[in-house]
Amino acid sequence: MAMDFAFTDGIYNGSCLSLLGKNSAVNPAREMPIVGGTGLFRLGRVNIAQAYWLDVTTGDALVGYNDTVVH
């Protein structure tokens, strides 16, 4: 999975995070590395994804992301 988060408001305006890694929704929690960041998120490190709800029939899921970022 590859994801980019771009922030457009507040103190994080113009900053972004890029994640890349396996995001298997059947695991309750998994780590994906933050492979890049700009602005206040330069030198980001680890993203923890936590599945709160999963429908295996449709593949729909509710997932929370907790990022640890050094800046």
C-alpha atoms as a PDB file:
ATOM      1  CA  MET A   1       0.000   0.000   0.000  1.00  0.00           C
ATOM      2  CA  ALA A   2       1.225   3.479  -0.810  1.00  0.00           C
ATOM      3  CA  MET A   3      -0.432   6.517   0.790  1.00  0.00           C
ATOM      4  CA  ASP A   4       0.309  10.212   0.839  1.00  0.00           C
ATOM      5  CA  PHE A   5      -1.180  12.551   3.418  1.00  0.00           C
ATOM      6  CA  ALA A   6      -1.087  16.231   2.441  1.00  0.00           C
ATOM      7  CA  PHE A   7      -2.038  18.866   4.998  1.00  0.00           C
ATOM      8  CA  THR A   8      -3.644  22.092   3.808  1.00  0.00           C
ATOM      9  CA  ASP A   9      -4.565  24.014   6.947  1.00  0.00           C
ATOM     10  CA  GLY A  10      -3.234  25.153  10.296  1.00  0.00           C
ATOM     11  CA  ILE A  11       0.363  24.751  11.442  1.00  0.00           C
ATOM     12  CA  TYR A  12       0.845  21.677   9.213  1.00  0.00           C
ATOM     13  CA  ASN A  13      -0.185  23.495   6.012  1.00  0.00           C
ATOM     14  CA  GLY A  14       2.183  22.471   3.198  1.00  0.00           C
ATOM     15  CA  SER A  15       3.550  19.424   5.055  1.00  0.00           C
ATOM     16  CA  CYS A  16       3.040  15.837   3.883  1.00  0.00           C
ATOM     17  CA  LEU A  17       3.753  12.211   4.837  1.00  0.00           C
ATOM     18  CA  SER A  18       4.334   9.249   2.515  1.00  0.00           C
ATOM     19  CA  LEU A  19       3.757   5.652   3.670  1.00  0.00           C
ATOM     20  CA  LEU A  20       4.645   2.426   1.919  1.00  0.00           C
ATOM     21  CA  GLY A  21       4.209  -1.149   3.092  1.00  0.00           C
ATOM     22  CA  LYS A  22       1.945  -4.155   3.499  1.00  0.00           C
ATOM     23  CA  ASN A  23      -1.395  -3.243   5.038  1.00  0.00           C
ATOM     24  CA  SER A  24      -3.153  -6.544   5.658  1.00  0.00           C
ATOM     25  CA  ALA A  25      -6.557  -5.621   7.110  1.00  0.00           C
ATOM     26  CA  VAL A  26      -7.003  -9.110   8.601  1.00  0.00           C
ATOM     27  CA  ASN A  27      -4.289  -8.312  11.172  1.00  0.00           C
ATOM     28  CA  PRO A  28      -5.675  -6.239  14.056  1.00  0.00           C
ATOM     29  CA  ALA A  29      -2.578  -3.971  14.114  1.00  0.00           C
ATOM     30  CA  ARG A  30       0.352  -3.576  11.736  1.00  0.00           C
ATOM     31  CA  GLU A  31       3.313  -1.296  11.117  1.00  0.00           C
ATOM     32  CA  MET A  32       4.084   0.491   7.886  1.00  0.00           C
ATOM     33  CA  PRO A  33       7.139   2.680   7.440  1.00  0.00           C
ATOM     34  CA  ILE A  34       6.880   6.366   6.733  1.00  0.00           C
ATOM     35  CA  VAL A  35       9.231   6.621   3.756  1.00  0.00           C
ATOM     36  CA  GLY A  36       9.170  10.372   3.365  1.00  0.00           C
ATOM     37  CA  GLY A  37       7.865  13.620   4.683  1.00  0.00           C
ATOM     38  CA  THR A  38       8.127  17.320   4.056  1.00  0.00           C
ATOM     39  CA  GLY A  39       7.682  20.445   6.110  1.00  0.00           C
ATOM     40  CA  LEU A  40       7.037  19.742   9.775  1.00  0.00           C
ATOM     41  CA  PHE A  41       6.931  15.997   9.065  1.00  0.00           C
ATOM     42  CA  ARG A  42      10.497  15.720   7.778  1.00  0.00           C
ATOM     43  CA  LEU A  43      12.179  12.592   9.249  1.00  0.00           C
ATOM     44  CA  GLY A  44       8.944  10.750  10.063  1.00  0.00           C
ATOM     45  CA  ARG A  45       9.515   7.196  11.273  1.00  0.00           C
ATOM     46  CA  VAL A  46       6.692   4.700  11.924  1.00  0.00           C
ATOM     47  CA  ASN A  47       2.989   4.405  11.217  1.00  0.00           C
ATOM     48  CA  ILE A  48       0.794   2.048  13.237  1.00  0.00           C
ATOM     49  CA  ALA A  49      -2.502   1.040  11.593  1.00  0.00           C
ATOM     50  CA  GLN A  50      -5.285  -0.383  13.759  1.00  0.00           C
ATOM     51  CA  ALA A  51      -8.369  -2.010  12.233  1.00  0.00           C
ATOM     52  CA  TYR A  52     -11.547  -1.183  14.154  1.00  0.00           C
ATOM     53  CA  TRP A  53     -14.047  -2.848  11.841  1.00  0.00           C
ATOM     54  CA  LEU A  54     -13.704  -5.172   8.826  1.00  0.00           C
ATOM     55  CA  ASP A  55     -16.264  -6.739   6.494  1.00  0.00           C
ATOM     56  CA  VAL A  56     -14.352  -9.594   4.838  1.00  0.00           C
ATOM     57  CA  THR A  57     -17.115 -10.080   2.263  1.00  0.00           C
ATOM     58  CA  THR A  58     -16.919  -6.564   0.802  1.00  0.00           C
ATOM     59  CA  GLY A  59     -13.399  -5.623   1.916  1.00  0.00           C
ATOM     60  CA  ASP A  60     -14.733  -2.498   3.634  1.00  0.00           C
ATOM     61  CA  ALA A  61     -12.845  -1.476   6.756  1.00  0.00           C
ATOM     62  CA  LEU A  62     -12.595   1.278   9.331  1.00  0.00           C
ATOM     63  CA  VAL A  63      -8.895   1.836  10.079  1.00  0.00           C
ATOM     64  CA  GLY A  64      -7.159   4.330  12.372  1.00  0.00           C
ATOM     65  CA  TYR A  65      -3.598   5.517  11.716  1.00  0.00           C
ATOM     66  CA  ASN A  66      -1.221   6.624  14.467  1.00  0.00           C
ATOM     67  CA  ASP A  67       1.953   8.262  13.120  1.00  0.00           C
ATOM     68  CA  THR A  68       5.095   8.928  15.131  1.00  0.00           C
ATOM     69  CA  VAL A  69       6.943  11.829  13.567  1.00  0.00           C
ATOM     70  CA  VAL A  70      10.184  13.447  14.710  1.00  0.00           C
ATOM     71  CA  HIS A  71      10.429  17.107  13.743  1.00  0.00           C
END
